[in-house]
PDB file of N, CA and C in Angstrom:
ATOM      1  N   MET A   1       4.125  30.919  19.286  1.00  0.00           N
ATOM      2  CA  MET A   1       2.927  30.158  19.453  1.00  0.00           C
ATOM      3  C   MET A   1       3.131  28.769  18.884  1.00  0.00           C
ATOM      4  N   THR A   2       2.714  27.780  19.631  1.00  0.00           N
ATOM      5  CA  THR A   2       2.848  26.393  19.195  1.00  0.00           C
ATOM      6  C   THR A   2       1.504  25.908  18.693  1.00  0.00           C
ATOM      7  N   GLU A   3       1.498  25.343  17.499  1.00  0.00           N
ATOM      8  CA  GLU A   3       0.256  24.803  16.951  1.00  0.00           C
ATOM      9  C   GLU A   3       0.214  23.319  17.214  1.00  0.00           C
ATOM     10  N   ASN A   4      -0.980  22.811  17.502  1.00  0.00           N
ATOM     11  CA  ASN A   4      -1.155  21.374  17.642  1.00  0.00           C
ATOM     12  C   ASN A   4      -1.474  20.785  16.271  1.00  0.00           C
ATOM     13  N   LEU A   5      -0.646  19.924  15.801  1.00  0.00           N
ATOM     14  CA  LEU A   5      -0.869  19.289  14.503  1.00  0.00           C
ATOM     15  C   LEU A   5      -1.540  17.929  14.746  1.00  0.00           C
ATOM     16  N   THR A   6      -2.633  17.719  14.082  1.00  0.00           N
ATOM     17  CA  THR A   6      -3.322  16.459  14.187  1.00  0.00           C
ATOM     18  C   THR A   6      -3.040  15.658  12.927  1.00  0.00           C
ATOM     19  N   LEU A   7      -2.578  14.447  13.125  1.00  0.00           N
ATOM     20  CA  LEU A   7      -2.265  13.565  12.009  1.00  0.00           C
ATOM     21  C   LEU A   7      -3.561  12.989  11.476  1.00  0.00           C
ATOM     22  N   LEU A   8      -3.864  13.284  10.218  1.00  0.00           N
ATOM     23  CA  LEU A   8      -5.044  12.702   9.586  1.00  0.00           C
ATOM     24  C   LEU A   8      -4.764  11.240   9.244  1.00  0.00           C
ATOM     25  N   PRO A   9      -5.757  10.379   9.331  1.00  0.00           N
ATOM     26  CA  PRO A   9      -5.568   9.021   8.857  1.00  0.00           C
ATOM     27  C   PRO A   9      -5.190   9.051   7.365  1.00  0.00           C
ATOM     28  N   THR A  10      -4.096   8.362   7.061  1.00  0.00           N
ATOM     29  CA  THR A  10      -3.503   8.405   5.718  1.00  0.00           C
ATOM     30  C   THR A  10      -3.181   7.007   5.237  1.00  0.00           C
ATOM     31  N   VAL A  11      -3.451   6.759   3.965  1.00  0.00           N
ATOM     32  CA  VAL A  11      -2.958   5.532   3.321  1.00  0.00           C
ATOM     33  C   VAL A  11      -1.859   5.984   2.378  1.00  0.00           C
ATOM     34  N   ARG A  12      -0.668   5.441   2.557  1.00  0.00           N
ATOM     35  CA  ARG A  12       0.471   5.743   1.668  1.00  0.00           C
ATOM     36  C   ARG A  12       0.644   4.576   0.704  1.00  0.00           C
ATOM     37  N   ILE A  13       0.561   4.854  -0.582  1.00  0.00           N
ATOM     38  CA  ILE A  13       0.738   3.834  -1.625  1.00  0.00           C
ATOM     39  C   ILE A  13       2.145   3.992  -2.201  1.00  0.00           C
ATOM     40  N   HIS A  14       2.909   2.904  -2.178  1.00  0.00           N
ATOM     41  CA  HIS A  14       4.235   2.868  -2.829  1.00  0.00           C
ATOM     42  C   HIS A  14       4.140   2.010  -4.085  1.00  0.00           C
ATOM     43  N   ARG A  15       4.711   2.483  -5.179  1.00  0.00           N
ATOM     44  CA  ARG A  15       4.812   1.714  -6.410  1.00  0.00           C
ATOM     45  C   ARG A  15       6.291   1.661  -6.799  1.00  0.00           C
ATOM     46  N   THR A  16       6.812   0.435  -6.806  1.00  0.00           N
ATOM     47  CA  THR A  16       8.230   0.248  -7.124  1.00  0.00           C
ATOM     48  C   THR A  16       8.323  -0.589  -8.385  1.00  0.00           C
ATOM     49  N   ARG A  17       9.062  -0.089  -9.386  1.00  0.00           N
ATOM     50  CA  ARG A  17       9.255  -0.805 -10.634  1.00  0.00           C
ATOM     51  C   ARG A  17      10.656  -1.386 -10.679  1.00  0.00           C
ATOM     52  N   PHE A  18      10.735  -2.591 -11.226  1.00  0.00           N
ATOM     53  CA  PHE A  18      12.027  -3.287 -11.334  1.00  0.00           C
ATOM     54  C   PHE A  18      11.938  -4.330 -12.441  1.00  0.00           C
ATOM     55  N   PHE A  19      13.066  -4.881 -12.820  1.00  0.00           N
ATOM     56  CA  PHE A  19      13.134  -5.911 -13.843  1.00  0.00           C
ATOM     57  C   PHE A  19      13.473  -7.244 -13.170  1.00  0.00           C
ATOM     58  N   GLU A  20      13.006  -8.326 -13.797  1.00  0.00           N
ATOM     59  CA  GLU A  20      13.276  -9.661 -13.269  1.00  0.00           C
ATOM     60  C   GLU A  20      14.769  -9.867 -13.014  1.00  0.00           C
ATOM     61  N   ALA A  21      15.599  -9.345 -13.917  1.00  0.00           N
ATOM     62  CA  ALA A  21      17.054  -9.521 -13.791  1.00  0.00           C
ATOM     63  C   ALA A  21      17.599  -8.818 -12.562  1.00  0.00           C
ATOM     64  N   ASP A  22      16.845  -7.869 -12.011  1.00  0.00           N
ATOM     65  CA  ASP A  22      17.316  -7.117 -10.816  1.00  0.00           C
ATOM     66  C   ASP A  22      17.092  -7.855  -9.512  1.00  0.00           C
ATOM     67  N   VAL A  23      16.309  -8.902  -9.546  1.00  0.00           N
ATOM     68  CA  VAL A  23      15.970  -9.634  -8.328  1.00  0.00           C
ATOM     69  C   VAL A  23      17.202 -10.410  -7.854  1.00  0.00           C
ATOM     70  N   TRP A  24      17.545 -10.229  -6.569  1.00  0.00           N
ATOM     71  CA  TRP A  24      18.693 -10.928  -5.999  1.00  0.00           C
ATOM     72  C   TRP A  24      18.282 -11.495  -4.652  1.00  0.00           C
ATOM     73  N   GLU A  25      18.338 -12.800  -4.527  1.00  0.00           N
ATOM     74  CA  GLU A  25      17.991 -13.504  -3.288  1.00  0.00           C
ATOM     75  C   GLU A  25      16.613 -13.075  -2.775  1.00  0.00           C
ATOM     76  N   GLY A  26      15.665 -12.983  -3.676  1.00  0.00           N
ATOM     77  CA  GLY A  26      14.267 -12.685  -3.307  1.00  0.00           C
ATOM     78  C   GLY A  26      13.982 -11.218  -3.081  1.00  0.00           C
ATOM     79  N   ASP A  27      14.955 -10.347  -3.215  1.00  0.00           N
ATOM     80  CA  ASP A  27      14.735  -8.915  -3.033  1.00  0.00           C
ATOM     81  C   ASP A  27      15.130  -8.188  -4.316  1.00  0.00           C
ATOM     82  N   PHE A  28      14.729  -6.928  -4.405  1.00  0.00           N
ATOM     83  CA  PHE A  28      15.022  -6.154  -5.599  1.00  0.00           C
ATOM     84  C   PHE A  28      15.305  -4.704  -5.201  1.00  0.00           C
ATOM     85  N   PRO A  29      15.993  -3.973  -6.047  1.00  0.00           N
ATOM     86  CA  PRO A  29      16.284  -2.565  -5.732  1.00  0.00           C
ATOM     87  C   PRO A  29      15.028  -1.710  -5.673  1.00  0.00           C
ATOM     88  N   ARG A  30      15.028  -0.750  -4.824  1.00  0.00           N
ATOM     89  CA  ARG A  30      13.872   0.119  -4.644  1.00  0.00           C
ATOM     90  C   ARG A  30      14.184   1.546  -5.140  1.00  0.00           C
ATOM     91  N   ASP A  31      15.067   1.634  -6.110  1.00  0.00           N
ATOM     92  CA  ASP A  31      15.466   2.943  -6.636  1.00  0.00           C
ATOM     93  C   ASP A  31      14.334   3.669  -7.347  1.00  0.00           C
ATOM     94  N   ASP A  32      13.486   2.901  -8.034  1.00  0.00           N
ATOM     95  CA  ASP A  32      12.385   3.488  -8.818  1.00  0.00           C
ATOM     96  C   ASP A  32      11.079   3.338  -8.064  1.00  0.00           C
ATOM     97  N   THR A  33      10.959   4.041  -6.941  1.00  0.00           N
ATOM     98  CA  THR A  33       9.746   3.998  -6.105  1.00  0.00           C
ATOM     99  C   THR A  33       9.061   5.340  -6.105  1.00  0.00           C
ATOM    100  N   ARG A  34       7.760   5.293  -6.352  1.00  0.00           N
ATOM    101  CA  ARG A  34       6.931   6.502  -6.285  1.00  0.00           C
ATOM    102  C   ARG A  34       5.936   6.302  -5.136  1.00  0.00           C
ATOM    103  N   SER A  35       5.722   7.344  -4.375  1.00  0.00           N
ATOM    104  CA  SER A  35       4.791   7.265  -3.255  1.00  0.00           C
ATOM    105  C   SER A  35       3.719   8.334  -3.382  1.00  0.00           C
ATOM    106  N   GLU A  36       2.543   7.989  -2.914  1.00  0.00           N
ATOM    107  CA  GLU A  36       1.422   8.900  -2.950  1.00  0.00           C
ATOM    108  C   GLU A  36       0.621   8.744  -1.642  1.00  0.00           C
ATOM    109  N   ASP A  37       0.294   9.868  -0.995  1.00  0.00           N
ATOM    110  CA  ASP A  37      -0.475   9.845   0.252  1.00  0.00           C
ATOM    111  C   ASP A  37      -1.909  10.204  -0.044  1.00  0.00           C
ATOM    112  N   PHE A  38      -2.842   9.473   0.609  1.00  0.00           N
ATOM    113  CA  PHE A  38      -4.250   9.739   0.521  1.00  0.00           C
ATOM    114  C   PHE A  38      -4.760   9.993   1.954  1.00  0.00           C
ATOM    115  N   ASP A  39      -5.120  11.230   2.259  1.00  0.00           N
ATOM    116  CA  ASP A  39      -5.594  11.601   3.591  1.00  0.00           C
ATOM    117  C   ASP A  39      -7.106  11.484   3.659  1.00  0.00           C
ATOM    118  N   PHE A  40      -7.599  11.121   4.855  1.00  0.00           N
ATOM    119  CA  PHE A  40      -9.027  10.970   5.039  1.00  0.00           C
ATOM    120  C   PHE A  40      -9.484  11.714   6.275  1.00  0.00           C
ATOM    121  N   ASP A  41     -10.686  12.255   6.246  1.00  0.00           N
ATOM    122  CA  ASP A  41     -11.287  12.829   7.439  1.00  0.00           C
ATOM    123  C   ASP A  41     -11.514  11.673   8.424  1.00  0.00           C
ATOM    124  N   VAL A  42     -11.421  11.979   9.708  1.00  0.00           N
ATOM    125  CA  VAL A  42     -11.567  10.948  10.717  1.00  0.00           C
ATOM    126  C   VAL A  42     -12.881  10.199  10.553  1.00  0.00           C
ATOM    127  N   GLU A  43     -13.961  10.926  10.243  1.00  0.00           N
ATOM    128  CA  GLU A  43     -15.260  10.303  10.126  1.00  0.00           C
ATOM    129  C   GLU A  43     -15.346   9.319   8.960  1.00  0.00           C
ATOM    130  N   ASP A  44     -14.568   9.549   7.892  1.00  0.00           N
ATOM    131  CA  ASP A  44     -14.643   8.714   6.697  1.00  0.00           C
ATOM    132  C   ASP A  44     -13.410   7.836   6.535  1.00  0.00           C
ATOM    133  N   ALA A  45     -12.560   7.753   7.554  1.00  0.00           N
ATOM    134  CA  ALA A  45     -11.267   7.121   7.410  1.00  0.00           C
ATOM    135  C   ALA A  45     -11.362   5.644   7.032  1.00  0.00           C
ATOM    136  N   VAL A  46     -12.204   4.892   7.717  1.00  0.00           N
ATOM    137  CA  VAL A  46     -12.283   3.452   7.454  1.00  0.00           C
ATOM    138  C   VAL A  46     -12.873   3.187   6.065  1.00  0.00           C
ATOM    139  N   ASP A  47     -14.010   3.810   5.785  1.00  0.00           N
ATOM    140  CA  ASP A  47     -14.648   3.598   4.476  1.00  0.00           C
ATOM    141  C   ASP A  47     -13.761   4.072   3.329  1.00  0.00           C
ATOM    142  N   GLY A  48     -13.093   5.214   3.513  1.00  0.00           N
ATOM    143  CA  GLY A  48     -12.209   5.734   2.469  1.00  0.00           C
ATOM    144  C   GLY A  48     -11.022   4.819   2.225  1.00  0.00           C
ATOM    145  N   ALA A  49     -10.419   4.332   3.312  1.00  0.00           N
ATOM    146  CA  ALA A  49      -9.265   3.431   3.184  1.00  0.00           C
ATOM    147  C   ALA A  49      -9.669   2.133   2.518  1.00  0.00           C
ATOM    148  N   VAL A  50     -10.831   1.599   2.900  1.00  0.00           N
ATOM    149  CA  VAL A  50     -11.309   0.336   2.285  1.00  0.00           C
ATOM    150  C   VAL A  50     -11.508   0.538   0.801  1.00  0.00           C
ATOM    151  N   ARG A  51     -12.165   1.615   0.412  1.00  0.00           N
ATOM    152  CA  ARG A  51     -12.384   1.869  -1.022  1.00  0.00           C
ATOM    153  C   ARG A  51     -11.078   1.996  -1.787  1.00  0.00           C
ATOM    154  N   LEU A  52     -10.127   2.713  -1.212  1.00  0.00           N
ATOM    155  CA  LEU A  52      -8.823   2.903  -1.876  1.00  0.00           C
ATOM    156  C   LEU A  52      -8.080   1.576  -2.004  1.00  0.00           C
ATOM    157  N   LEU A  53      -7.968   0.821  -0.937  1.00  0.00           N
ATOM    158  CA  LEU A  53      -7.253  -0.437  -0.969  1.00  0.00           C
ATOM    159  C   LEU A  53      -7.893  -1.411  -1.961  1.00  0.00           C
ATOM    160  N   GLN A  54      -9.223  -1.449  -1.970  1.00  0.00           N
ATOM    161  CA  GLN A  54      -9.907  -2.339  -2.925  1.00  0.00           C
ATOM    162  C   GLN A  54      -9.682  -1.875  -4.359  1.00  0.00           C
ATOM    163  N   ARG A  55      -9.747  -0.572  -4.592  1.00  0.00           N
ATOM    164  CA  ARG A  55      -9.514  -0.029  -5.951  1.00  0.00           C
ATOM    165  C   ARG A  55      -8.103  -0.369  -6.454  1.00  0.00           C
ATOM    166  N   GLU A  56      -7.117  -0.339  -5.523  1.00  0.00           N
ATOM    167  CA  GLU A  56      -5.728  -0.662  -5.870  1.00  0.00           C
ATOM    168  C   GLU A  56      -5.513  -2.180  -5.978  1.00  0.00           C
ATOM    169  N   GLY A  57      -6.497  -2.983  -5.559  1.00  0.00           N
ATOM    170  CA  GLY A  57      -6.378  -4.421  -5.612  1.00  0.00           C
ATOM    171  C   GLY A  57      -5.448  -4.968  -4.521  1.00  0.00           C
ATOM    172  N   LEU A  58      -5.349  -4.254  -3.392  1.00  0.00           N
ATOM    173  CA  LEU A  58      -4.440  -4.665  -2.326  1.00  0.00           C
ATOM    174  C   LEU A  58      -5.197  -5.406  -1.233  1.00  0.00           C
ATOM    175  N   THR A  59      -4.551  -6.436  -0.702  1.00  0.00           N
ATOM    176  CA  THR A  59      -5.116  -7.163   0.427  1.00  0.00           C
ATOM    177  C   THR A  59      -4.024  -7.424   1.465  1.00  0.00           C
ATOM    178  N   PHE A  60      -4.395  -7.475   2.702  1.00  0.00           N
ATOM    179  CA  PHE A  60      -3.460  -7.801   3.762  1.00  0.00           C
ATOM    180  C   PHE A  60      -3.117  -9.289   3.713  1.00  0.00           C
ATOM    181  N   ALA A  61      -4.064 -10.103   3.284  1.00  0.00           N
ATOM    182  CA  ALA A  61      -3.893 -11.555   3.243  1.00  0.00           C
ATOM    183  C   ALA A  61      -2.833 -11.966   2.206  1.00  0.00           C
ATOM    184  N   ALA A  62      -2.558 -11.113   1.230  1.00  0.00           N
ATOM    185  CA  ALA A  62      -1.592 -11.497   0.181  1.00  0.00           C
ATOM    186  C   ALA A  62      -0.232 -11.807   0.780  1.00  0.00           C
ATOM    187  N   THR A  63       0.216 -11.025   1.748  1.00  0.00           N
ATOM    188  CA  THR A  63       1.540 -11.247   2.325  1.00  0.00           C
ATOM    189  C   THR A  63       1.501 -11.503   3.826  1.00  0.00           C
ATOM    190  N   GLY A  64       0.467 -11.041   4.499  1.00  0.00           N
ATOM    191  CA  GLY A  64       0.392 -11.180   5.941  1.00  0.00           C
ATOM    192  C   GLY A  64       1.208 -10.175   6.713  1.00  0.00           C
ATOM    193  N   THR A  65       1.926  -9.302   6.003  1.00  0.00           N
ATOM    194  CA  THR A  65       2.744  -8.318   6.694  1.00  0.00           C
ATOM    195  C   THR A  65       2.416  -6.880   6.269  1.00  0.00           C
ATOM    196  N   ASP A  66       1.953  -6.695   5.056  1.00  0.00           N
ATOM    197  CA  ASP A  66       1.547  -5.376   4.601  1.00  0.00           C
ATOM    198  C   ASP A  66       0.495  -5.533   3.518  1.00  0.00           C
ATOM    199  N   TRP A  67      -0.041  -4.434   3.068  1.00  0.00           N
ATOM    200  CA  TRP A  67      -1.083  -4.475   2.016  1.00  0.00           C
ATOM    201  C   TRP A  67      -0.394  -4.580   0.674  1.00  0.00           C
ATOM    202  N   ALA A  68      -0.673  -5.661  -0.046  1.00  0.00           N
ATOM    203  CA  ALA A  68      -0.037  -5.870  -1.323  1.00  0.00           C
ATOM    204  C   ALA A  68      -0.983  -6.538  -2.291  1.00  0.00           C
ATOM    205  N   ALA A  69      -0.619  -6.515  -3.566  1.00  0.00           N
ATOM    206  CA  ALA A  69      -1.403  -7.176  -4.607  1.00  0.00           C
ATOM    207  C   ALA A  69      -0.777  -8.525  -4.919  1.00  0.00           C
ATOM    208  N   ASN A  70      -1.605  -9.507  -5.174  1.00  0.00           N
ATOM    209  CA  ASN A  70      -1.146 -10.858  -5.573  1.00  0.00           C
ATOM    210  C   ASN A  70      -0.314 -11.496  -4.439  1.00  0.00           C
ATOM    211  N   PRO A  71      -0.124 -12.812  -4.506  1.00  0.00           N
ATOM    212  CA  PRO A  71       0.631 -13.480  -3.448  1.00  0.00           C
ATOM    213  C   PRO A  71       2.060 -12.977  -3.280  1.00  0.00           C
ATOM    214  N   ASP A  72       2.741 -12.597  -4.376  1.00  0.00           N
ATOM    215  CA  ASP A  72       4.107 -12.109  -4.211  1.00  0.00           C
ATOM    216  C   ASP A  72       4.160 -10.583  -4.210  1.00  0.00           C
ATOM    217  N   GLY A  73       3.027  -9.927  -4.320  1.00  0.00           N
ATOM    218  CA  GLY A  73       2.968  -8.482  -4.214  1.00  0.00           C
ATOM    219  C   GLY A  73       3.345  -7.723  -5.466  1.00  0.00           C
ATOM    220  N   THR A  74       3.560  -8.433  -6.598  1.00  0.00           N
ATOM    221  CA  THR A  74       3.975  -7.733  -7.807  1.00  0.00           C
ATOM    222  C   THR A  74       3.077  -8.103  -8.990  1.00  0.00           C
ATOM    223  N   THR A  75       3.085  -7.244  -9.999  1.00  0.00           N
ATOM    224  CA  THR A  75       2.422  -7.533 -11.274  1.00  0.00           C
ATOM    225  C   THR A  75       3.363  -7.183 -12.400  1.00  0.00           C
ATOM    226  N   ILE A  76       3.213  -7.903 -13.504  1.00  0.00           N
ATOM    227  CA  ILE A  76       4.020  -7.605 -14.695  1.00  0.00           C
ATOM    228  C   ILE A  76       3.355  -6.433 -15.408  1.00  0.00           C
ATOM    229  N   ILE A  77       4.117  -5.362 -15.663  1.00  0.00           N
ATOM    230  CA  ILE A  77       3.546  -4.195 -16.331  1.00  0.00           C
ATOM    231  C   ILE A  77       4.016  -4.098 -17.783  1.00  0.00           C
ATOM    232  N   ASP A  78       5.064  -4.836 -18.143  1.00  0.00           N
ATOM    233  CA  ASP A  78       5.576  -4.848 -19.513  1.00  0.00           C
ATOM    234  C   ASP A  78       6.105  -6.239 -19.818  1.00  0.00           C
ATOM    235  N   TYR A  79       5.300  -7.013 -20.538  1.00  0.00           N
ATOM    236  CA  TYR A  79       5.700  -8.392 -20.852  1.00  0.00           C
ATOM    237  C   TYR A  79       6.900  -8.458 -21.758  1.00  0.00           C
ATOM    238  N   GLY A  80       7.087  -7.436 -22.571  1.00  0.00           N
ATOM    239  CA  GLY A  80       8.241  -7.414 -23.490  1.00  0.00           C
ATOM    240  C   GLY A  80       9.576  -7.308 -22.768  1.00  0.00           C
ATOM    241  N   THR A  81       9.604  -6.553 -21.693  1.00  0.00           N
ATOM    242  CA  THR A  81      10.860  -6.352 -20.954  1.00  0.00           C
ATOM    243  C   THR A  81      10.873  -7.086 -19.633  1.00  0.00           C
ATOM    244  N   ALA A  82       9.728  -7.673 -19.250  1.00  0.00           N
ATOM    245  CA  ALA A  82       9.559  -8.349 -17.948  1.00  0.00           C
ATOM    246  C   ALA A  82       9.648  -7.362 -16.786  1.00  0.00           C
ATOM    247  N   GLN A  83       9.304  -6.096 -17.068  1.00  0.00           N
ATOM    248  CA  GLN A  83       9.310  -5.146 -15.960  1.00  0.00           C
ATOM    249  C   GLN A  83       8.106  -5.417 -15.075  1.00  0.00           C
ATOM    250  N   ARG A  84       8.342  -5.357 -13.773  1.00  0.00           N
ATOM    251  CA  ARG A  84       7.309  -5.634 -12.804  1.00  0.00           C
ATOM    252  C   ARG A  84       7.082  -4.401 -11.939  1.00  0.00           C
ATOM    253  N   GLU A  85       5.952  -4.380 -11.240  1.00  0.00           N
ATOM    254  CA  GLU A  85       5.681  -3.303 -10.300  1.00  0.00           C
ATOM    255  C   GLU A  85       5.131  -3.898  -9.010  1.00  0.00           C
ATOM    256  N   GLU A  86       5.707  -3.496  -7.915  1.00  0.00           N
ATOM    257  CA  GLU A  86       5.184  -3.876  -6.600  1.00  0.00           C
ATOM    258  C   GLU A  86       4.399  -2.685  -6.097  1.00  0.00           C
ATOM    259  N   THR A  87       3.147  -2.927  -5.706  1.00  0.00           N
ATOM    260  CA  THR A  87       2.305  -1.899  -5.137  1.00  0.00           C
ATOM    261  C   THR A  87       1.978  -2.302  -3.716  1.00  0.00           C
ATOM    262  N   THR A  88       2.281  -1.431  -2.761  1.00  0.00           N
ATOM    263  CA  THR A  88       1.978  -1.715  -1.360  1.00  0.00           C
ATOM    264  C   THR A  88       1.264  -0.505  -0.754  1.00  0.00           C
ATOM    265  N   GLY A  89       0.454  -0.781   0.238  1.00  0.00           N
ATOM    266  CA  GLY A  89      -0.246   0.276   0.972  1.00  0.00           C
ATOM    267  C   GLY A  89       0.108   0.228   2.429  1.00  0.00           C
ATOM    268  N   HIS A  90       0.195   1.405   3.040  1.00  0.00           N
ATOM    269  CA  HIS A  90       0.607   1.505   4.436  1.00  0.00           C
ATOM    270  C   HIS A  90      -0.331   2.437   5.160  1.00  0.00           C
ATOM    271  N   LEU A  91      -0.887   1.975   6.277  1.00  0.00           N
ATOM    272  CA  LEU A  91      -1.815   2.787   7.093  1.00  0.00           C
ATOM    273  C   LEU A  91      -1.020   3.631   8.064  1.00  0.00           C
ATOM    274  N   ILE A  92      -1.309   4.929   8.081  1.00  0.00           N
ATOM    275  CA  ILE A  92      -0.619   5.876   8.960  1.00  0.00           C
ATOM    276  C   ILE A  92      -1.683   6.659   9.724  1.00  0.00           C
ATOM    277  N   GLY A  93      -1.566   6.722  11.027  1.00  0.00           N
ATOM    278  CA  GLY A  93      -2.471   7.553  11.822  1.00  0.00           C
ATOM    279  C   GLY A  93      -3.829   6.947  12.087  1.00  0.00           C
ATOM    280  N   PHE A  94      -4.015   5.679  11.795  1.00  0.00           N
ATOM    281  CA  PHE A  94      -5.265   4.992  12.080  1.00  0.00           C
ATOM    282  C   PHE A  94      -5.183   4.393  13.483  1.00  0.00           C
ATOM    283  N   THR A  95      -6.316   4.359  14.189  1.00  0.00           N
ATOM    284  CA  THR A  95      -6.328   3.717  15.496  1.00  0.00           C
ATOM    285  C   THR A  95      -6.328   2.202  15.313  1.00  0.00           C
ATOM    286  N   VAL A  96      -6.093   1.469  16.398  1.00  0.00           N
ATOM    287  CA  VAL A  96      -6.117   0.006  16.335  1.00  0.00           C
ATOM    288  C   VAL A  96      -7.500  -0.457  15.890  1.00  0.00           C
ATOM    289  N   GLU A  97      -8.544   0.177  16.401  1.00  0.00           N
ATOM    290  CA  GLU A  97      -9.903  -0.191  16.038  1.00  0.00           C
ATOM    291  C   GLU A  97     -10.175   0.033  14.565  1.00  0.00           C
ATOM    292  N   GLN A  98      -9.724   1.185  14.057  1.00  0.00           N
ATOM    293  CA  GLN A  98      -9.916   1.476  12.625  1.00  0.00           C
ATOM    294  C   GLN A  98      -9.129   0.489  11.773  1.00  0.00           C
ATOM    295  N   THR A  99      -7.895   0.178  12.170  1.00  0.00           N
ATOM    296  CA  THR A  99      -7.081  -0.781  11.418  1.00  0.00           C
ATOM    297  C   THR A  99      -7.753  -2.143  11.378  1.00  0.00           C
ATOM    298  N   ASN A 100      -8.250  -2.600  12.502  1.00  0.00           N
ATOM    299  CA  ASN A 100      -8.919  -3.894  12.555  1.00  0.00           C
ATOM    300  C   ASN A 100     -10.147  -3.919  11.671  1.00  0.00           C
ATOM    301  N   ALA A 101     -10.899  -2.821  11.650  1.00  0.00           N
ATOM    302  CA  ALA A 101     -12.098  -2.730  10.811  1.00  0.00           C
ATOM    303  C   ALA A 101     -11.711  -2.787   9.328  1.00  0.00           C
ATOM    304  N   ILE A 102     -10.628  -2.133   8.959  1.00  0.00           N
ATOM    305  CA  ILE A 102     -10.146  -2.168   7.568  1.00  0.00           C
ATOM    306  C   ILE A 102      -9.725  -3.566   7.182  1.00  0.00           C
ATOM    307  N   ILE A 103      -8.960  -4.236   8.034  1.00  0.00           N
ATOM    308  CA  ILE A 103      -8.521  -5.616   7.765  1.00  0.00           C
ATOM    309  C   ILE A 103      -9.721  -6.537   7.610  1.00  0.00           C
ATOM    310  N   GLU A 104     -10.718  -6.371   8.467  1.00  0.00           N
ATOM    311  CA  GLU A 104     -11.902  -7.213   8.396  1.00  0.00           C
ATOM    312  C   GLU A 104     -12.657  -7.028   7.077  1.00  0.00           C
ATOM    313  N   GLN A 105     -12.715  -5.788   6.595  1.00  0.00           N
ATOM    314  CA  GLN A 105     -13.469  -5.528   5.374  1.00  0.00           C
ATOM    315  C   GLN A 105     -12.687  -5.853   4.080  1.00  0.00           C
ATOM    316  N   VAL A 106     -11.382  -5.651   4.109  1.00  0.00           N
ATOM    317  CA  VAL A 106     -10.598  -5.836   2.900  1.00  0.00           C
ATOM    318  C   VAL A 106      -9.988  -7.245   2.836  1.00  0.00           C
ATOM    319  N   GLY A 107      -9.599  -7.777   3.977  1.00  0.00           N
ATOM    320  CA  GLY A 107      -9.015  -9.125   4.020  1.00  0.00           C
ATOM    321  C   GLY A 107      -7.522  -9.089   3.835  1.00  0.00           C
TER     322      GLY A 107
END
């Protein structure tokens, strides 16, 4: 028997930690990346994604290519060691209409 799997609208949050000294030509290693998926019912997908992205402080306008915090997408999490964290959000399973509504509300 074959089951039909329906992909729920999901926001995947990636958090990558790195040190300033690890940055090379504008990029950094992604060895220390943690990911977390947040699934939403279809009926609540847009509102749920907007609330999550706003709570995480992520905006599409920050980079123009993905959901990130701050203009460079990173925050300093330890001033003593200069450790930084990049937090990004990725929409999975959302329709074009839902994605446009999220961008309009979050920016």
